[in-house]
């Protein structure tokens, strides 16, 4: 086994991981991508100067195989990976970035004892600011987990969690960027209603959210403290907060995250969580790499 890393799927998430690994200093000779769309395969090969091939060829000799594909493609890809087994003692680590599917699904499809790591990333991976949660299968060693965490840190932060928490992770960080984008969209529309141009409102809102996020991550203060610091008694911010609360802002967040966790549980066939909210499809934004 070499130190080669294979990425199956050349979509946005697969490309973001590839770019992050290269930026972190991983030699391109140790990277390979499997991409079935010919035009996309050519584009990746030209842009990054790496080998782009089929799944079997990519997996052969690779120590880590990252799956950045759609859930409906998983079974077929696993069958191809199984064909690429180098020998009975292979310790190829399968790292799945696919939303919803449990580790057992992969372990059952691969040879006995195959190490599988499940990852729930999010779309800020595209700008090297992902929040990725990692859960391990039964056969993953400490060194293998540490190595995968280091690789994922090339595109953001990483937290190791039990797999049973992945639905909650999906509700917060996996789908979380969409909540922020919805807030931004709503604030921009409100700014236009108040008389700003859409360009003006967009600039104000985007920078405000960016700055607030940096302040939250770097100040060492809690969200409660930071909110209180800009909420003077009887002031303008207090008036806005009062309206948010009167319209059920917190309740809406609770209900939205419960529904998201329920949808994730439904996708992973976890009936113990499916009753949390209105699970209507079990799909995730991360399903389209």
C-alpha atoms as a PDB file:
ATOM      1  CA  UNK A   1       0.000   0.000   0.000  1.00  0.00           C
ATOM      2  CA  UNK A   2       1.244   3.459  -0.889  1.00  0.00           C
ATOM      3  CA  UNK A   3       0.261   6.766   0.662  1.00  0.00           C
ATOM      4  CA  UNK A   4      -1.967   7.432  -2.327  1.00  0.00           C
ATOM      5  CA  UNK A   5      -5.297   9.138  -1.680  1.00  0.00           C
ATOM      6  CA  UNK A   6      -8.193   8.461  -4.024  1.00  0.00           C
ATOM      7  CA  UNK A   7     -11.215  10.754  -4.280  1.00  0.00           C
ATOM      8  CA  UNK A   8     -14.246   9.163  -5.914  1.00  0.00           C
ATOM      9  CA  UNK A   9     -16.385  11.947  -7.318  1.00  0.00           C
ATOM     10  CA  UNK A  10     -15.145  15.111  -8.964  1.00  0.00           C
ATOM     11  CA  UNK A  11     -18.032  17.398  -8.027  1.00  0.00           C
ATOM     12  CA  UNK A  12     -17.823  20.484  -5.828  1.00  0.00           C
ATOM     13  CA  UNK A  13     -17.086  18.671  -2.576  1.00  0.00           C
ATOM     14  CA  UNK A  14     -14.603  16.283  -4.166  1.00  0.00           C
ATOM     15  CA  UNK A  15     -12.806  19.155  -5.875  1.00  0.00           C
ATOM     16  CA  UNK A  16     -12.768  21.212  -2.665  1.00  0.00           C
ATOM     17  CA  UNK A  17     -11.108  18.327  -0.817  1.00  0.00           C
ATOM     18  CA  UNK A  18      -8.622  17.856  -3.647  1.00  0.00           C
ATOM     19  CA  UNK A  19      -7.717  21.554  -3.696  1.00  0.00           C
ATOM     20  CA  UNK A  20      -7.324  21.622   0.080  1.00  0.00           C
ATOM     21  CA  UNK A  21      -5.019  18.611   0.076  1.00  0.00           C
ATOM     22  CA  UNK A  22      -2.839  20.149  -2.622  1.00  0.00           C
ATOM     23  CA  UNK A  23      -2.712  23.503  -0.805  1.00  0.00           C
ATOM     24  CA  UNK A  24      -1.685  21.700   2.385  1.00  0.00           C
ATOM     25  CA  UNK A  25       1.360  20.283   0.579  1.00  0.00           C
ATOM     26  CA  UNK A  26       0.173  16.842  -0.466  1.00  0.00           C
ATOM     27  CA  UNK A  27       2.132  15.871  -3.618  1.00  0.00           C
ATOM     28  CA  UNK A  28      -0.076  15.573  -6.673  1.00  0.00           C
ATOM     29  CA  UNK A  29       1.588  12.257  -7.511  1.00  0.00           C
ATOM     30  CA  UNK A  30      -0.092  10.809  -4.393  1.00  0.00           C
ATOM     31  CA  UNK A  31      -3.558  11.980  -5.431  1.00  0.00           C
ATOM     32  CA  UNK A  32      -5.989  10.407  -7.870  1.00  0.00           C
ATOM     33  CA  UNK A  33      -9.622  11.160  -8.719  1.00  0.00           C
ATOM     34  CA  UNK A  34     -12.278   8.834 -10.100  1.00  0.00           C
ATOM     35  CA  UNK A  35     -14.814  10.726 -12.193  1.00  0.00           C
ATOM     36  CA  UNK A  36     -17.209   9.107 -14.664  1.00  0.00           C
ATOM     37  CA  UNK A  37     -18.213  12.291 -16.518  1.00  0.00           C
ATOM     38  CA  UNK A  38     -15.679  12.667 -19.320  1.00  0.00           C
ATOM     39  CA  UNK A  39     -15.810  16.460 -19.564  1.00  0.00           C
ATOM     40  CA  UNK A  40     -15.458  16.871 -15.825  1.00  0.00           C
ATOM     41  CA  UNK A  41     -12.617  14.348 -15.689  1.00  0.00           C
ATOM     42  CA  UNK A  42     -10.708  16.265 -18.330  1.00  0.00           C
ATOM     43  CA  UNK A  43     -11.272  19.557 -16.532  1.00  0.00           C
ATOM     44  CA  UNK A  44      -9.945  18.252 -13.208  1.00  0.00           C
ATOM     45  CA  UNK A  45      -6.917  16.615 -14.822  1.00  0.00           C
ATOM     46  CA  UNK A  46      -5.997  19.827 -16.625  1.00  0.00           C
ATOM     47  CA  UNK A  47      -6.662  22.149 -13.665  1.00  0.00           C
ATOM     48  CA  UNK A  48      -4.747  20.140 -11.064  1.00  0.00           C
ATOM     49  CA  UNK A  49      -2.286  18.063 -13.063  1.00  0.00           C
ATOM     50  CA  UNK A  50      -3.340  14.765 -11.484  1.00  0.00           C
ATOM     51  CA  UNK A  51      -4.471  11.373 -12.699  1.00  0.00           C
ATOM     52  CA  UNK A  52      -8.220  11.036 -13.248  1.00  0.00           C
ATOM     53  CA  UNK A  53      -9.405   7.508 -13.896  1.00  0.00           C
ATOM     54  CA  UNK A  54     -12.089   4.925 -13.053  1.00  0.00           C
ATOM     55  CA  UNK A  55     -13.010   3.726  -9.561  1.00  0.00           C
ATOM     56  CA  UNK A  56     -11.166   0.408  -9.682  1.00  0.00           C
ATOM     57  CA  UNK A  57      -7.927   1.945 -10.914  1.00  0.00           C
ATOM     58  CA  UNK A  58      -8.161   4.807  -8.422  1.00  0.00           C
ATOM     59  CA  UNK A  59      -8.745   2.501  -5.458  1.00  0.00           C
ATOM     60  CA  UNK A  60      -5.944   0.087  -6.286  1.00  0.00           C
ATOM     61  CA  UNK A  61      -2.923   0.953  -4.166  1.00  0.00           C
ATOM     62  CA  UNK A  62      -4.724   3.784  -2.382  1.00  0.00           C
ATOM     63  CA  UNK A  63      -4.514   3.907   1.394  1.00  0.00           C
ATOM     64  CA  UNK A  64      -7.466   6.273   1.743  1.00  0.00           C
ATOM     65  CA  UNK A  65     -10.505   6.366  -0.542  1.00  0.00           C
ATOM     66  CA  UNK A  66     -12.817   9.349  -0.067  1.00  0.00           C
ATOM     67  CA  UNK A  67     -16.349   8.961  -1.427  1.00  0.00           C
ATOM     68  CA  UNK A  68     -17.823  12.292  -2.551  1.00  0.00           C
ATOM     69  CA  UNK A  69     -20.766  10.879  -4.480  1.00  0.00           C
ATOM     70  CA  UNK A  70     -24.564  10.731  -4.373  1.00  0.00           C
ATOM     71  CA  UNK A  71     -26.222   8.140  -2.106  1.00  0.00           C
ATOM     72  CA  UNK A  72     -27.754   6.319  -5.062  1.00  0.00           C
ATOM     73  CA  UNK A  73     -24.276   5.712  -6.482  1.00  0.00           C
ATOM     74  CA  UNK A  74     -22.808   4.196  -3.318  1.00  0.00           C
ATOM     75  CA  UNK A  75     -23.664   0.531  -3.858  1.00  0.00           C
ATOM     76  CA  UNK A  76     -22.221   0.463  -7.366  1.00  0.00           C
ATOM     77  CA  UNK A  77     -19.046   2.245  -6.269  1.00  0.00           C
ATOM     78  CA  UNK A  78     -18.554  -0.142  -3.336  1.00  0.00           C
ATOM     79  CA  UNK A  79     -18.815  -3.106  -5.704  1.00  0.00           C
ATOM     80  CA  UNK A  80     -16.093  -1.571  -7.834  1.00  0.00           C
ATOM     81  CA  UNK A  81     -13.892  -0.873  -4.816  1.00  0.00           C
ATOM     82  CA  UNK A  82     -14.307  -4.479  -3.716  1.00  0.00           C
ATOM     83  CA  UNK A  83     -12.922  -5.534  -7.094  1.00  0.00           C
ATOM     84  CA  UNK A  84      -9.823  -3.448  -6.417  1.00  0.00           C
ATOM     85  CA  UNK A  85      -8.815  -5.228  -3.219  1.00  0.00           C
ATOM     86  CA  UNK A  86      -5.064  -5.797  -3.385  1.00  0.00           C
ATOM     87  CA  UNK A  87      -5.007  -8.731  -0.991  1.00  0.00           C
ATOM     88  CA  UNK A  88      -6.904 -10.259   1.930  1.00  0.00           C
ATOM     89  CA  UNK A  89      -4.922  -8.159   4.396  1.00  0.00           C
ATOM     90  CA  UNK A  90      -5.740  -4.847   2.764  1.00  0.00           C
ATOM     91  CA  UNK A  91      -6.274  -1.969   5.208  1.00  0.00           C
ATOM     92  CA  UNK A  92      -7.616   0.523   2.724  1.00  0.00           C
ATOM     93  CA  UNK A  93      -9.632   3.106   4.660  1.00  0.00           C
ATOM     94  CA  UNK A  94     -12.962   4.103   3.137  1.00  0.00           C
ATOM     95  CA  UNK A  95     -13.922   7.658   4.079  1.00  0.00           C
ATOM     96  CA  UNK A  96     -17.492   8.484   3.127  1.00  0.00           C
ATOM     97  CA  UNK A  97     -18.685  12.061   2.743  1.00  0.00           C
ATOM     98  CA  UNK A  98     -22.109  10.811   1.652  1.00  0.00           C
ATOM     99  CA  UNK A  99     -25.043  12.180   3.654  1.00  0.00           C
ATOM    100  CA  UNK A 100     -27.340   9.906   5.596  1.00  0.00           C
ATOM    101  CA  UNK A 101     -25.951   6.423   5.018  1.00  0.00           C
ATOM    102  CA  UNK A 102     -24.712   4.556   8.117  1.00  0.00           C
ATOM    103  CA  UNK A 103     -21.276   2.983   8.453  1.00  0.00           C
ATOM    104  CA  UNK A 104     -22.754  -0.509   8.613  1.00  0.00           C
ATOM    105  CA  UNK A 105     -23.969  -0.107   5.033  1.00  0.00           C
ATOM    106  CA  UNK A 106     -20.360   0.170   3.893  1.00  0.00           C
ATOM    107  CA  UNK A 107     -18.955  -2.501   6.210  1.00  0.00           C
ATOM    108  CA  UNK A 108     -21.529  -5.008   4.931  1.00  0.00           C
ATOM    109  CA  UNK A 109     -20.625  -4.301   1.314  1.00  0.00           C
ATOM    110  CA  UNK A 110     -16.828  -4.496   1.672  1.00  0.00           C
ATOM    111  CA  UNK A 111     -14.547  -7.325   2.706  1.00  0.00           C
ATOM    112  CA  UNK A 112     -14.684  -8.313   6.368  1.00  0.00           C
ATOM    113  CA  UNK A 113     -12.730  -6.001   8.631  1.00  0.00           C
ATOM    114  CA  UNK A 114     -12.640  -3.028   6.256  1.00  0.00           C
ATOM    115  CA  UNK A 115     -12.097   0.258   8.141  1.00  0.00           C
ATOM    116  CA  UNK A 116     -14.799   2.838   7.368  1.00  0.00           C
ATOM    117  CA  UNK A 117     -14.946   6.455   8.518  1.00  0.00           C
ATOM    118  CA  UNK A 118     -18.094   8.510   8.045  1.00  0.00           C
ATOM    119  CA  UNK A 119     -17.828  12.261   7.595  1.00  0.00           C
ATOM    120  CA  UNK A 120     -20.488  14.955   7.610  1.00  0.00           C
ATOM    121  CA  UNK A 121     -18.833  18.027   6.030  1.00  0.00           C
ATOM    122  CA  UNK A 122     -20.518  21.225   4.962  1.00  0.00           C
ATOM    123  CA  UNK A 123     -20.280  23.504   1.968  1.00  0.00           C
ATOM    124  CA  UNK A 124     -17.796  25.997   3.477  1.00  0.00           C
ATOM    125  CA  UNK A 125     -15.320  23.279   2.528  1.00  0.00           C
ATOM    126  CA  UNK A 126     -15.346  25.116  -0.801  1.00  0.00           C
ATOM    127  CA  UNK A 127     -13.440  27.967   0.878  1.00  0.00           C
ATOM    128  CA  UNK A 128     -11.395  25.799   3.287  1.00  0.00           C
ATOM    129  CA  UNK A 129     -13.673  26.656   6.214  1.00  0.00           C
ATOM    130  CA  UNK A 130     -15.594  23.404   6.608  1.00  0.00           C
ATOM    131  CA  UNK A 131     -16.915  22.048   9.873  1.00  0.00           C
ATOM    132  CA  UNK A 132     -16.571  18.288   9.440  1.00  0.00           C
ATOM    133  CA  UNK A 133     -17.809  15.730  11.962  1.00  0.00           C
ATOM    134  CA  UNK A 134     -16.176  12.293  11.883  1.00  0.00           C
ATOM    135  CA  UNK A 135     -17.451   8.939  13.180  1.00  0.00           C
ATOM    136  CA  UNK A 136     -15.546   5.670  13.015  1.00  0.00           C
ATOM    137  CA  UNK A 137     -16.513   2.128  12.174  1.00  0.00           C
ATOM    138  CA  UNK A 138     -15.585  -0.969  14.183  1.00  0.00           C
ATOM    139  CA  UNK A 139     -12.307  -1.646  12.420  1.00  0.00           C
ATOM    140  CA  UNK A 140     -10.709   1.815  12.371  1.00  0.00           C
ATOM    141  CA  UNK A 141      -7.426   2.141  14.259  1.00  0.00           C
ATOM    142  CA  UNK A 142      -6.340   5.217  16.181  1.00  0.00           C
ATOM    143  CA  UNK A 143      -3.594   5.983  13.655  1.00  0.00           C
ATOM    144  CA  UNK A 144      -6.030   5.722  10.762  1.00  0.00           C
ATOM    145  CA  UNK A 145      -8.476   8.091  12.446  1.00  0.00           C
ATOM    146  CA  UNK A 146      -5.713  10.578  13.245  1.00  0.00           C
ATOM    147  CA  UNK A 147      -4.509  10.491   9.638  1.00  0.00           C
ATOM    148  CA  UNK A 148      -7.994  11.151   8.225  1.00  0.00           C
ATOM    149  CA  UNK A 149      -8.558  13.993  10.692  1.00  0.00           C
ATOM    150  CA  UNK A 150      -5.291  15.588   9.529  1.00  0.00           C
ATOM    151  CA  UNK A 151      -6.340  15.269   5.904  1.00  0.00           C
ATOM    152  CA  UNK A 152      -9.746  16.836   6.558  1.00  0.00           C
ATOM    153  CA  UNK A 153      -8.137  19.679   8.499  1.00  0.00           C
ATOM    154  CA  UNK A 154      -6.734  20.865   5.175  1.00  0.00           C
ATOM    155  CA  UNK A 155     -10.258  22.155   4.405  1.00  0.00           C
ATOM    156  CA  UNK A 156     -11.453  23.292   7.837  1.00  0.00           C
ATOM    157  CA  UNK A 157     -12.090  22.115  11.379  1.00  0.00           C
ATOM    158  CA  UNK A 158     -12.879  18.553  12.457  1.00  0.00           C
ATOM    159  CA  UNK A 159     -14.788  17.069  15.400  1.00  0.00           C
ATOM    160  CA  UNK A 160     -14.884  13.350  16.250  1.00  0.00           C
ATOM    161  CA  UNK A 161     -18.341  12.180  17.391  1.00  0.00           C
ATOM    162  CA  UNK A 162     -20.206   8.895  17.932  1.00  0.00           C
ATOM    163  CA  UNK A 163     -22.157   7.902  14.837  1.00  0.00           C
ATOM    164  CA  UNK A 164     -25.444   8.162  16.758  1.00  0.00           C
ATOM    165  CA  UNK A 165     -24.885  11.939  16.881  1.00  0.00           C
ATOM    166  CA  UNK A 166     -24.580  12.340  13.108  1.00  0.00           C
ATOM    167  CA  UNK A 167     -28.238  13.308  12.676  1.00  0.00           C
ATOM    168  CA  UNK A 168     -27.818  16.138  15.190  1.00  0.00           C
ATOM    169  CA  UNK A 169     -24.586  17.144  13.452  1.00  0.00           C
ATOM    170  CA  UNK A 170     -26.441  17.261  10.142  1.00  0.00           C
ATOM    171  CA  UNK A 171     -29.088  19.509  11.702  1.00  0.00           C
ATOM    172  CA  UNK A 172     -26.499  21.999  12.961  1.00  0.00           C
ATOM    173  CA  UNK A 173     -23.389  22.085  10.790  1.00  0.00           C
ATOM    174  CA  UNK A 174     -24.257  19.919   7.774  1.00  0.00           C
ATOM    175  CA  UNK A 175     -27.336  21.928   6.823  1.00  0.00           C
ATOM    176  CA  UNK A 176     -26.421  24.953   8.943  1.00  0.00           C
ATOM    177  CA  UNK A 177     -24.942  27.071   6.149  1.00  0.00           C
ATOM    178  CA  UNK A 178     -28.347  27.080   4.441  1.00  0.00           C
ATOM    179  CA  UNK A 179     -29.882  28.643   7.554  1.00  0.00           C
ATOM    180  CA  UNK A 180     -27.303  31.430   7.482  1.00  0.00           C
ATOM    181  CA  UNK A 181     -27.893  31.981   3.768  1.00  0.00           C
ATOM    182  CA  UNK A 182     -31.654  32.170   4.406  1.00  0.00           C
ATOM    183  CA  UNK A 183     -31.071  34.746   7.134  1.00  0.00           C
ATOM    184  CA  UNK A 184     -28.856  36.747   4.779  1.00  0.00           C
ATOM    185  CA  UNK A 185     -31.462  36.548   2.027  1.00  0.00           C
ATOM    186  CA  UNK A 186     -34.176  37.751   4.396  1.00  0.00           C
ATOM    187  CA  UNK A 187     -32.052  40.621   5.733  1.00  0.00           C
ATOM    188  CA  UNK A 188     -31.196  41.781   2.216  1.00  0.00           C
ATOM    189  CA  UNK A 189     -34.866  41.771   1.218  1.00  0.00           C
ATOM    190  CA  UNK A 190     -35.681  43.716   4.389  1.00  0.00           C
ATOM    191  CA  UNK A 191     -32.989  46.255   3.536  1.00  0.00           C
ATOM    192  CA  UNK A 192     -34.493  46.783   0.098  1.00  0.00           C
ATOM    193  CA  UNK A 193     -37.902  47.288   1.718  1.00  0.00           C
ATOM    194  CA  UNK A 194     -36.306  49.962   3.930  1.00  0.00           C
ATOM    195  CA  UNK A 195     -35.068  51.890   0.883  1.00  0.00           C
ATOM    196  CA  UNK A 196     -31.558  50.531   0.212  1.00  0.00           C
ATOM    197  CA  UNK A 197     -30.553  49.254  -3.188  1.00  0.00           C
ATOM    198  CA  UNK A 198     -30.065  45.489  -3.403  1.00  0.00           C
ATOM    199  CA  UNK A 199     -26.340  46.018  -3.985  1.00  0.00           C
ATOM    200  CA  UNK A 200     -26.066  48.180  -0.870  1.00  0.00           C
ATOM    201  CA  UNK A 201     -28.094  45.771   1.237  1.00  0.00           C
ATOM    202  CA  UNK A 202     -26.067  42.798   0.040  1.00  0.00           C
ATOM    203  CA  UNK A 203     -22.752  44.442   0.880  1.00  0.00           C
ATOM    204  CA  UNK A 204     -23.962  45.441   4.340  1.00  0.00           C
ATOM    205  CA  UNK A 205     -25.414  42.033   5.184  1.00  0.00           C
ATOM    206  CA  UNK A 206     -22.609  39.857   3.805  1.00  0.00           C
ATOM    207  CA  UNK A 207     -19.895  41.784   5.620  1.00  0.00           C
ATOM    208  CA  UNK A 208     -21.953  41.895   8.808  1.00  0.00           C
ATOM    209  CA  UNK A 209     -22.392  38.117   8.828  1.00  0.00           C
ATOM    210  CA  UNK A 210     -18.721  37.575   7.981  1.00  0.00           C
ATOM    211  CA  UNK A 211     -17.593  39.936  10.751  1.00  0.00           C
ATOM    212  CA  UNK A 212     -20.015  38.489  13.300  1.00  0.00           C
ATOM    213  CA  UNK A 213     -18.800  34.976  12.519  1.00  0.00           C
ATOM    214  CA  UNK A 214     -15.163  35.965  13.005  1.00  0.00           C
ATOM    215  CA  UNK A 215     -16.007  37.777  16.240  1.00  0.00           C
ATOM    216  CA  UNK A 216     -17.867  34.719  17.505  1.00  0.00           C
ATOM    217  CA  UNK A 217     -15.001  32.361  16.652  1.00  0.00           C
ATOM    218  CA  UNK A 218     -12.116  34.556  17.815  1.00  0.00           C
ATOM    219  CA  UNK A 219     -13.356  36.682  20.721  1.00  0.00           C
ATOM    220  CA  UNK A 220     -13.683  33.867  23.236  1.00  0.00           C
ATOM    221  CA  UNK A 221     -17.108  35.205  24.236  1.00  0.00           C
ATOM    222  CA  UNK A 222     -20.370  33.282  24.116  1.00  0.00           C
ATOM    223  CA  UNK A 223     -23.184  34.148  21.690  1.00  0.00           C
ATOM    224  CA  UNK A 224     -25.197  35.391  24.685  1.00  0.00           C
ATOM    225  CA  UNK A 225     -22.414  37.763  25.749  1.00  0.00           C
ATOM    226  CA  UNK A 226     -21.866  39.074  22.228  1.00  0.00           C
ATOM    227  CA  UNK A 227     -25.565  39.662  21.652  1.00  0.00           C
ATOM    228  CA  UNK A 228     -25.913  41.439  24.996  1.00  0.00           C
ATOM    229  CA  UNK A 229     -22.970  43.685  24.138  1.00  0.00           C
ATOM    230  CA  UNK A 230     -24.871  45.215  21.217  1.00  0.00           C
ATOM    231  CA  UNK A 231     -28.301  45.204  22.840  1.00  0.00           C
ATOM    232  CA  UNK A 232     -28.680  48.369  24.882  1.00  0.00           C
ATOM    233  CA  UNK A 233     -31.762  48.505  27.139  1.00  0.00           C
ATOM    234  CA  UNK A 234     -34.599  50.126  25.249  1.00  0.00           C
ATOM    235  CA  UNK A 235     -32.412  50.648  22.177  1.00  0.00           C
ATOM    236  CA  UNK A 236     -32.746  49.878  18.485  1.00  0.00           C
ATOM    237  CA  UNK A 237     -31.282  46.362  18.688  1.00  0.00           C
ATOM    238  CA  UNK A 238     -33.547  45.540  21.620  1.00  0.00           C
ATOM    239  CA  UNK A 239     -36.536  46.546  19.507  1.00  0.00           C
ATOM    240  CA  UNK A 240     -35.466  44.161  16.765  1.00  0.00           C
ATOM    241  CA  UNK A 241     -34.748  41.296  19.171  1.00  0.00           C
ATOM    242  CA  UNK A 242     -38.168  41.784  20.778  1.00  0.00           C
ATOM    243  CA  UNK A 243     -39.808  41.294  17.367  1.00  0.00           C
ATOM    244  CA  UNK A 244     -37.717  38.196  16.627  1.00  0.00           C
ATOM    245  CA  UNK A 245     -38.780  36.637  19.925  1.00  0.00           C
ATOM    246  CA  UNK A 246     -42.425  37.665  19.527  1.00  0.00           C
ATOM    247  CA  UNK A 247     -42.479  35.895  16.170  1.00  0.00           C
ATOM    248  CA  UNK A 248     -41.068  32.674  17.556  1.00  0.00           C
ATOM    249  CA  UNK A 249     -37.485  32.910  16.303  1.00  0.00           C
ATOM    250  CA  UNK A 250     -36.057  30.427  18.828  1.00  0.00           C
ATOM    251  CA  UNK A 251     -39.003  28.071  18.462  1.00  0.00           C
ATOM    252  CA  UNK A 252     -38.536  28.137  14.707  1.00  0.00           C
ATOM    253  CA  UNK A 253     -34.857  27.222  15.068  1.00  0.00           C
ATOM    254  CA  UNK A 254     -35.707  24.353  17.415  1.00  0.00           C
ATOM    255  CA  UNK A 255     -38.386  23.014  15.080  1.00  0.00           C
ATOM    256  CA  UNK A 256     -36.238  23.407  11.960  1.00  0.00           C
ATOM    257  CA  UNK A 257     -33.277  21.542  13.441  1.00  0.00           C
ATOM    258  CA  UNK A 258     -35.535  18.773  14.787  1.00  0.00           C
ATOM    259  CA  UNK A 259     -37.082  18.364  11.337  1.00  0.00           C
ATOM    260  CA  UNK A 260     -33.635  18.250   9.770  1.00  0.00           C
ATOM    261  CA  UNK A 261     -32.425  15.618  12.248  1.00  0.00           C
ATOM    262  CA  UNK A 262     -35.563  13.585  11.590  1.00  0.00           C
ATOM    263  CA  UNK A 263     -34.997  13.748   7.841  1.00  0.00           C
ATOM    264  CA  UNK A 264     -31.408  12.604   8.355  1.00  0.00           C
ATOM    265  CA  UNK A 265     -32.600   9.758  10.582  1.00  0.00           C
ATOM    266  CA  UNK A 266     -35.102   8.718   7.938  1.00  0.00           C
ATOM    267  CA  UNK A 267     -32.370   8.596   5.313  1.00  0.00           C
ATOM    268  CA  UNK A 268     -30.285   6.419   7.652  1.00  0.00           C
ATOM    269  CA  UNK A 269     -33.300   4.322   8.729  1.00  0.00           C
ATOM    270  CA  UNK A 270     -33.215   5.368  12.395  1.00  0.00           C
ATOM    271  CA  UNK A 271     -36.832   5.079  13.599  1.00  0.00           C
ATOM    272  CA  UNK A 272     -35.867   6.296  17.082  1.00  0.00           C
ATOM    273  CA  UNK A 273     -35.366   9.815  15.716  1.00  0.00           C
ATOM    274  CA  UNK A 274     -37.867   9.918  12.870  1.00  0.00           C
ATOM    275  CA  UNK A 275     -40.600  11.297  15.136  1.00  0.00           C
ATOM    276  CA  UNK A 276     -38.662  14.461  15.971  1.00  0.00           C
ATOM    277  CA  UNK A 277     -40.134  16.495  13.161  1.00  0.00           C
ATOM    278  CA  UNK A 278     -41.679  16.523   9.739  1.00  0.00           C
ATOM    279  CA  UNK A 279     -39.248  14.334   7.845  1.00  0.00           C
ATOM    280  CA  UNK A 280     -40.288  14.762   4.246  1.00  0.00           C
ATOM    281  CA  UNK A 281     -37.468  13.392   2.194  1.00  0.00           C
ATOM    282  CA  UNK A 282     -34.312  12.655   4.102  1.00  0.00           C
ATOM    283  CA  UNK A 283     -32.126  14.412   1.553  1.00  0.00           C
ATOM    284  CA  UNK A 284     -29.257  16.769   2.259  1.00  0.00           C
ATOM    285  CA  UNK A 285     -27.603  19.598   0.373  1.00  0.00           C
ATOM    286  CA  UNK A 286     -24.380  17.602   0.681  1.00  0.00           C
ATOM    287  CA  UNK A 287     -25.778  14.837  -1.508  1.00  0.00           C
ATOM    288  CA  UNK A 288     -24.855  16.694  -4.663  1.00  0.00           C
ATOM    289  CA  UNK A 289     -21.008  16.752  -4.504  1.00  0.00           C
END
